[in-house]
């Protein structure tokens, strides 16, 4: 299992969105990954999803972060 936040964030994104994020500067990618991790731990709307399907919660949070950034 990969523990690098940026790698995990990119893996949680759908392929097209992942490609768009990978075009951003590394510092911006890392900032988005940090925001993604913050949302996973702080967003109460993701807590139930996270308990039932952790991958779905990660994907939802990643998509939200990427959509706001792009």
PDB file of N, CA and C in Angstrom:
ATOM      1  N   UNK A   1       0.842  -1.184   0.000  1.00  0.00           N
ATOM      2  CA  UNK A   1       0.000   0.000   0.000  1.00  0.00           C
ATOM      3  C   UNK A   1       0.886   1.246   0.000  1.00  0.00           C
ATOM      4  N   UNK A   2       0.570   2.155  -0.875  1.00  0.00           N
ATOM      5  CA  UNK A   2       1.330   3.391  -0.996  1.00  0.00           C
ATOM      6  C   UNK A   2       0.903   4.358   0.100  1.00  0.00           C
ATOM      7  N   UNK A   3       1.866   4.931   0.799  1.00  0.00           N
ATOM      8  CA  UNK A   3       1.543   5.856   1.881  1.00  0.00           C
ATOM      9  C   UNK A   3       1.817   7.313   1.509  1.00  0.00           C
ATOM     10  N   UNK A   4       2.401   7.551   0.356  1.00  0.00           N
ATOM     11  CA  UNK A   4       2.671   8.912  -0.108  1.00  0.00           C
ATOM     12  C   UNK A   4       1.338   9.597  -0.422  1.00  0.00           C
ATOM     13  N   UNK A   5       1.038  10.713   0.248  1.00  0.00           N
ATOM     14  CA  UNK A   5      -0.259  11.373   0.039  1.00  0.00           C
ATOM     15  C   UNK A   5      -0.515  11.754  -1.423  1.00  0.00           C
ATOM     16  N   UNK A   6       0.496  12.246  -2.115  1.00  0.00           N
ATOM     17  CA  UNK A   6       0.293  12.649  -3.499  1.00  0.00           C
ATOM     18  C   UNK A   6      -0.035  11.445  -4.374  1.00  0.00           C
ATOM     19  N   UNK A   7       0.673  10.363  -4.208  1.00  0.00           N
ATOM     20  CA  UNK A   7       0.392   9.152  -4.993  1.00  0.00           C
ATOM     21  C   UNK A   7      -1.009   8.627  -4.706  1.00  0.00           C
ATOM     22  N   UNK A   8      -1.389   8.619  -3.440  1.00  0.00           N
ATOM     23  CA  UNK A   8      -2.731   8.148  -3.069  1.00  0.00           C
ATOM     24  C   UNK A   8      -3.810   9.052  -3.646  1.00  0.00           C
ATOM     25  N   UNK A   9      -3.578  10.367  -3.597  1.00  0.00           N
ATOM     26  CA  UNK A   9      -4.526  11.332  -4.153  1.00  0.00           C
ATOM     27  C   UNK A   9      -4.697  11.105  -5.654  1.00  0.00           C
ATOM     28  N   UNK A  10      -3.592  10.978  -6.359  1.00  0.00           N
ATOM     29  CA  UNK A  10      -3.665  10.767  -7.807  1.00  0.00           C
ATOM     30  C   UNK A  10      -4.381   9.461  -8.147  1.00  0.00           C
ATOM     31  N   UNK A  11      -4.131   8.425  -7.372  1.00  0.00           N
ATOM     32  CA  UNK A  11      -4.785   7.133  -7.613  1.00  0.00           C
ATOM     33  C   UNK A  11      -6.288   7.209  -7.369  1.00  0.00           C
ATOM     34  N   UNK A  12      -6.718   8.088  -6.492  1.00  0.00           N
ATOM     35  CA  UNK A  12      -8.138   8.217  -6.178  1.00  0.00           C
ATOM     36  C   UNK A  12      -8.918   8.956  -7.269  1.00  0.00           C
ATOM     37  N   UNK A  13      -8.202   9.648  -8.140  1.00  0.00           N
ATOM     38  CA  UNK A  13      -8.845  10.417  -9.204  1.00  0.00           C
ATOM     39  C   UNK A  13      -9.163   9.551 -10.413  1.00  0.00           C
ATOM     40  N   UNK A  14     -10.225   9.913 -11.148  1.00  0.00           N
ATOM     41  CA  UNK A  14     -10.462   9.233 -12.423  1.00  0.00           C
ATOM     42  C   UNK A  14      -9.333   9.613 -13.398  1.00  0.00           C
ATOM     43  N   UNK A  15      -9.058   8.770 -14.382  1.00  0.00           N
ATOM     44  CA  UNK A  15      -7.903   8.999 -15.273  1.00  0.00           C
ATOM     45  C   UNK A  15      -7.824  10.386 -15.918  1.00  0.00           C
ATOM     46  N   UNK A  16      -8.911  10.906 -16.428  1.00  0.00           N
ATOM     47  CA  UNK A  16      -8.863  12.214 -17.088  1.00  0.00           C
ATOM     48  C   UNK A  16      -8.506  13.324 -16.104  1.00  0.00           C
ATOM     49  N   UNK A  17      -9.086  13.264 -14.927  1.00  0.00           N
ATOM     50  CA  UNK A  17      -8.806  14.282 -13.912  1.00  0.00           C
ATOM     51  C   UNK A  17      -7.364  14.131 -13.421  1.00  0.00           C
ATOM     52  N   UNK A  18      -6.896  12.880 -13.278  1.00  0.00           N
ATOM     53  CA  UNK A  18      -5.520  12.617 -12.854  1.00  0.00           C
ATOM     54  C   UNK A  18      -4.530  13.261 -13.829  1.00  0.00           C
ATOM     55  N   UNK A  19      -4.779  13.097 -15.122  1.00  0.00           N
ATOM     56  CA  UNK A  19      -3.894  13.681 -16.130  1.00  0.00           C
ATOM     57  C   UNK A  19      -3.846  15.198 -16.009  1.00  0.00           C
ATOM     58  N   UNK A  20      -4.997  15.821 -15.755  1.00  0.00           N
ATOM     59  CA  UNK A  20      -5.037  17.273 -15.608  1.00  0.00           C
ATOM     60  C   UNK A  20      -4.248  17.719 -14.379  1.00  0.00           C
ATOM     61  N   UNK A  21      -4.405  17.017 -13.283  1.00  0.00           N
ATOM     62  CA  UNK A  21      -3.673  17.371 -12.062  1.00  0.00           C
ATOM     63  C   UNK A  21      -2.168  17.157 -12.255  1.00  0.00           C
ATOM     64  N   UNK A  22      -1.803  16.102 -12.958  1.00  0.00           N
ATOM     65  CA  UNK A  22      -0.379  15.833 -13.188  1.00  0.00           C
ATOM     66  C   UNK A  22       0.293  16.916 -14.024  1.00  0.00           C
ATOM     67  N   UNK A  23      -0.486  17.721 -14.734  1.00  0.00           N
ATOM     68  CA  UNK A  23       0.069  18.822 -15.522  1.00  0.00           C
ATOM     69  C   UNK A  23       0.389  20.045 -14.658  1.00  0.00           C
ATOM     70  N   UNK A  24      -0.136  20.067 -13.456  1.00  0.00           N
ATOM     71  CA  UNK A  24       0.125  21.188 -12.543  1.00  0.00           C
ATOM     72  C   UNK A  24       1.535  21.080 -11.965  1.00  0.00           C
ATOM     73  N   UNK A  25       2.090  22.205 -11.500  1.00  0.00           N
ATOM     74  CA  UNK A  25       3.394  22.138 -10.828  1.00  0.00           C
ATOM     75  C   UNK A  25       3.338  21.215  -9.607  1.00  0.00           C
ATOM     76  N   UNK A  26       4.455  20.598  -9.304  1.00  0.00           N
ATOM     77  CA  UNK A  26       4.534  19.629  -8.199  1.00  0.00           C
ATOM     78  C   UNK A  26       4.043  20.224  -6.879  1.00  0.00           C
ATOM     79  N   UNK A  27       4.403  21.482  -6.618  1.00  0.00           N
ATOM     80  CA  UNK A  27       3.991  22.124  -5.367  1.00  0.00           C
ATOM     81  C   UNK A  27       2.470  22.219  -5.287  1.00  0.00           C
ATOM     82  N   UNK A  28       1.826  22.512  -6.412  1.00  0.00           N
ATOM     83  CA  UNK A  28       0.366  22.615  -6.434  1.00  0.00           C
ATOM     84  C   UNK A  28      -0.264  21.235  -6.234  1.00  0.00           C
ATOM     85  N   UNK A  29       0.316  20.221  -6.851  1.00  0.00           N
ATOM     86  CA  UNK A  29      -0.167  18.852  -6.672  1.00  0.00           C
ATOM     87  C   UNK A  29      -0.092  18.457  -5.198  1.00  0.00           C
ATOM     88  N   UNK A  30       1.022  18.777  -4.563  1.00  0.00           N
ATOM     89  CA  UNK A  30       1.187  18.441  -3.147  1.00  0.00           C
ATOM     90  C   UNK A  30       0.193  19.195  -2.271  1.00  0.00           C
ATOM     91  N   UNK A  31      -0.092  20.447  -2.635  1.00  0.00           N
ATOM     92  CA  UNK A  31      -1.078  21.225  -1.878  1.00  0.00           C
ATOM     93  C   UNK A  31      -2.466  20.602  -2.026  1.00  0.00           C
ATOM     94  N   UNK A  32      -2.795  20.145  -3.219  1.00  0.00           N
ATOM     95  CA  UNK A  32      -4.085  19.496  -3.440  1.00  0.00           C
ATOM     96  C   UNK A  32      -4.171  18.189  -2.659  1.00  0.00           C
ATOM     97  N   UNK A  33      -3.081  17.446  -2.630  1.00  0.00           N
ATOM     98  CA  UNK A  33      -3.057  16.190  -1.863  1.00  0.00           C
ATOM     99  C   UNK A  33      -3.249  16.470  -0.370  1.00  0.00           C
ATOM    100  N   UNK A  34      -2.644  17.545   0.125  1.00  0.00           N
ATOM    101  CA  UNK A  34      -2.812  17.909   1.534  1.00  0.00           C
ATOM    102  C   UNK A  34      -4.264  18.295   1.817  1.00  0.00           C
ATOM    103  N   UNK A  35      -4.872  19.035   0.897  1.00  0.00           N
ATOM    104  CA  UNK A  35      -6.280  19.410   1.052  1.00  0.00           C
ATOM    105  C   UNK A  35      -7.160  18.164   1.022  1.00  0.00           C
ATOM    106  N   UNK A  36      -6.843  17.231   0.157  1.00  0.00           N
ATOM    107  CA  UNK A  36      -7.584  15.967   0.059  1.00  0.00           C
ATOM    108  C   UNK A  36      -7.521  15.208   1.382  1.00  0.00           C
ATOM    109  N   UNK A  37      -6.337  15.104   1.964  1.00  0.00           N
ATOM    110  CA  UNK A  37      -6.201  14.416   3.253  1.00  0.00           C
ATOM    111  C   UNK A  37      -6.974  15.134   4.354  1.00  0.00           C
ATOM    112  N   UNK A  38      -6.947  16.469   4.329  1.00  0.00           N
ATOM    113  CA  UNK A  38      -7.689  17.241   5.327  1.00  0.00           C
ATOM    114  C   UNK A  38      -9.178  16.948   5.205  1.00  0.00           C
ATOM    115  N   UNK A  39      -9.674  16.915   3.984  1.00  0.00           N
ATOM    116  CA  UNK A  39     -11.101  16.638   3.790  1.00  0.00           C
ATOM    117  C   UNK A  39     -11.465  15.237   4.249  1.00  0.00           C
ATOM    118  N   UNK A  40     -10.612  14.290   3.972  1.00  0.00           N
ATOM    119  CA  UNK A  40     -10.901  12.922   4.399  1.00  0.00           C
ATOM    120  C   UNK A  40     -11.032  12.821   5.915  1.00  0.00           C
ATOM    121  N   UNK A  41     -10.260  13.618   6.628  1.00  0.00           N
ATOM    122  CA  UNK A  41     -10.311  13.528   8.084  1.00  0.00           C
ATOM    123  C   UNK A  41     -11.331  14.473   8.718  1.00  0.00           C
ATOM    124  N   UNK A  42     -11.694  15.560   8.018  1.00  0.00           N
ATOM    125  CA  UNK A  42     -12.555  16.580   8.619  1.00  0.00           C
ATOM    126  C   UNK A  42     -13.980  16.633   8.089  1.00  0.00           C
ATOM    127  N   UNK A  43     -14.217  16.158   6.890  1.00  0.00           N
ATOM    128  CA  UNK A  43     -15.540  16.296   6.270  1.00  0.00           C
ATOM    129  C   UNK A  43     -16.498  15.253   6.850  1.00  0.00           C
ATOM    130  N   UNK A  44     -17.426  15.703   7.669  1.00  0.00           N
ATOM    131  CA  UNK A  44     -18.344  14.774   8.326  1.00  0.00           C
ATOM    132  C   UNK A  44     -19.253  14.059   7.335  1.00  0.00           C
ATOM    133  N   UNK A  45     -19.505  14.664   6.177  1.00  0.00           N
ATOM    134  CA  UNK A  45     -20.351  13.997   5.190  1.00  0.00           C
ATOM    135  C   UNK A  45     -19.659  12.778   4.587  1.00  0.00           C
ATOM    136  N   UNK A  46     -18.330  12.713   4.704  1.00  0.00           N
ATOM    137  CA  UNK A  46     -17.585  11.568   4.184  1.00  0.00           C
ATOM    138  C   UNK A  46     -17.417  10.455   5.213  1.00  0.00           C
ATOM    139  N   UNK A  47     -17.700  10.739   6.476  1.00  0.00           N
ATOM    140  CA  UNK A  47     -17.462   9.743   7.514  1.00  0.00           C
ATOM    141  C   UNK A  47     -18.264   8.458   7.297  1.00  0.00           C
ATOM    142  N   UNK A  48     -19.539   8.578   6.993  1.00  0.00           N
ATOM    143  CA  UNK A  48     -20.361   7.395   6.760  1.00  0.00           C
ATOM    144  C   UNK A  48     -19.898   6.649   5.525  1.00  0.00           C
ATOM    145  N   UNK A  49     -19.626   7.384   4.454  1.00  0.00           N
ATOM    146  CA  UNK A  49     -19.135   6.767   3.218  1.00  0.00           C
ATOM    147  C   UNK A  49     -17.812   6.068   3.485  1.00  0.00           C
ATOM    148  N   UNK A  50     -16.957   6.710   4.251  1.00  0.00           N
ATOM    149  CA  UNK A  50     -15.650   6.153   4.563  1.00  0.00           C
ATOM    150  C   UNK A  50     -15.766   4.833   5.311  1.00  0.00           C
ATOM    151  N   UNK A  51     -16.720   4.756   6.220  1.00  0.00           N
ATOM    152  CA  UNK A  51     -16.904   3.521   6.973  1.00  0.00           C
ATOM    153  C   UNK A  51     -17.426   2.394   6.091  1.00  0.00           C
ATOM    154  N   UNK A  52     -18.310   2.729   5.165  1.00  0.00           N
ATOM    155  CA  UNK A  52     -18.911   1.713   4.300  1.00  0.00           C
ATOM    156  C   UNK A  52     -18.023   1.353   3.106  1.00  0.00           C
ATOM    157  N   UNK A  53     -17.383   2.357   2.526  1.00  0.00           N
ATOM    158  CA  UNK A  53     -16.560   2.149   1.332  1.00  0.00           C
ATOM    159  C   UNK A  53     -15.438   3.179   1.306  1.00  0.00           C
ATOM    160  N   UNK A  54     -14.305   2.860   1.935  1.00  0.00           N
ATOM    161  CA  UNK A  54     -13.204   3.828   2.009  1.00  0.00           C
ATOM    162  C   UNK A  54     -12.735   4.331   0.649  1.00  0.00           C
ATOM    163  N   UNK A  55     -12.721   3.463  -0.345  1.00  0.00           N
ATOM    164  CA  UNK A  55     -12.272   3.885  -1.673  1.00  0.00           C
ATOM    165  C   UNK A  55     -13.225   4.902  -2.289  1.00  0.00           C
ATOM    166  N   UNK A  56     -14.510   4.725  -2.071  1.00  0.00           N
ATOM    167  CA  UNK A  56     -15.496   5.675  -2.583  1.00  0.00           C
ATOM    168  C   UNK A  56     -15.333   7.037  -1.915  1.00  0.00           C
ATOM    169  N   UNK A  57     -15.071   7.039  -0.632  1.00  0.00           N
ATOM    170  CA  UNK A  57     -14.862   8.299   0.084  1.00  0.00           C
ATOM    171  C   UNK A  57     -13.612   9.007  -0.434  1.00  0.00           C
ATOM    172  N   UNK A  58     -12.544   8.243  -0.644  1.00  0.00           N
ATOM    173  CA  UNK A  58     -11.313   8.833  -1.181  1.00  0.00           C
ATOM    174  C   UNK A  58     -11.552   9.405  -2.566  1.00  0.00           C
ATOM    175  N   UNK A  59     -12.257   8.678  -3.410  1.00  0.00           N
ATOM    176  CA  UNK A  59     -12.524   9.133  -4.773  1.00  0.00           C
ATOM    177  C   UNK A  59     -13.395  10.391  -4.766  1.00  0.00           C
ATOM    178  N   UNK A  60     -14.403  10.398  -3.908  1.00  0.00           N
ATOM    179  CA  UNK A  60     -15.288  11.563  -3.834  1.00  0.00           C
ATOM    180  C   UNK A  60     -14.535  12.804  -3.366  1.00  0.00           C
ATOM    181  N   UNK A  61     -13.732  12.659  -2.343  1.00  0.00           N
ATOM    182  CA  UNK A  61     -12.961  13.790  -1.833  1.00  0.00           C
ATOM    183  C   UNK A  61     -11.944  14.270  -2.867  1.00  0.00           C
ATOM    184  N   UNK A  62     -11.293  13.336  -3.545  1.00  0.00           N
ATOM    185  CA  UNK A  62     -10.296  13.691  -4.563  1.00  0.00           C
ATOM    186  C   UNK A  62     -10.960  14.444  -5.713  1.00  0.00           C
ATOM    187  N   UNK A  63     -12.109  13.969  -6.145  1.00  0.00           N
ATOM    188  CA  UNK A  63     -12.820  14.626  -7.247  1.00  0.00           C
ATOM    189  C   UNK A  63     -13.248  16.046  -6.842  1.00  0.00           C
ATOM    190  N   UNK A  64     -13.726  16.204  -5.615  1.00  0.00           N
ATOM    191  CA  UNK A  64     -14.128  17.531  -5.135  1.00  0.00           C
ATOM    192  C   UNK A  64     -12.948  18.492  -5.107  1.00  0.00           C
ATOM    193  N   UNK A  65     -11.816  18.034  -4.582  1.00  0.00           N
ATOM    194  CA  UNK A  65     -10.625  18.887  -4.497  1.00  0.00           C
ATOM    195  C   UNK A  65     -10.142  19.261  -5.903  1.00  0.00           C
ATOM    196  N   UNK A  66     -10.065  18.283  -6.795  1.00  0.00           N
ATOM    197  CA  UNK A  66      -9.584  18.544  -8.147  1.00  0.00           C
ATOM    198  C   UNK A  66     -10.540  19.464  -8.907  1.00  0.00           C
ATOM    199  N   UNK A  67     -11.837  19.251  -8.746  1.00  0.00           N
ATOM    200  CA  UNK A  67     -12.825  20.079  -9.449  1.00  0.00           C
ATOM    201  C   UNK A  67     -12.702  21.556  -9.029  1.00  0.00           C
ATOM    202  N   UNK A  68     -12.451  21.786  -7.770  1.00  0.00           N
ATOM    203  CA  UNK A  68     -12.290  23.155  -7.289  1.00  0.00           C
ATOM    204  C   UNK A  68     -10.997  23.786  -7.789  1.00  0.00           C
ATOM    205  N   UNK A  69      -9.976  22.970  -8.003  1.00  0.00           N
ATOM    206  CA  UNK A  69      -8.668  23.494  -8.391  1.00  0.00           C
ATOM    207  C   UNK A  69      -8.532  23.717  -9.895  1.00  0.00           C
ATOM    208  N   UNK A  70      -9.296  22.982 -10.658  1.00  0.00           N
ATOM    209  CA  UNK A  70      -9.133  23.054 -12.126  1.00  0.00           C
ATOM    210  C   UNK A  70     -10.211  23.880 -12.784  1.00  0.00           C
TER     211      UNK A  70
END
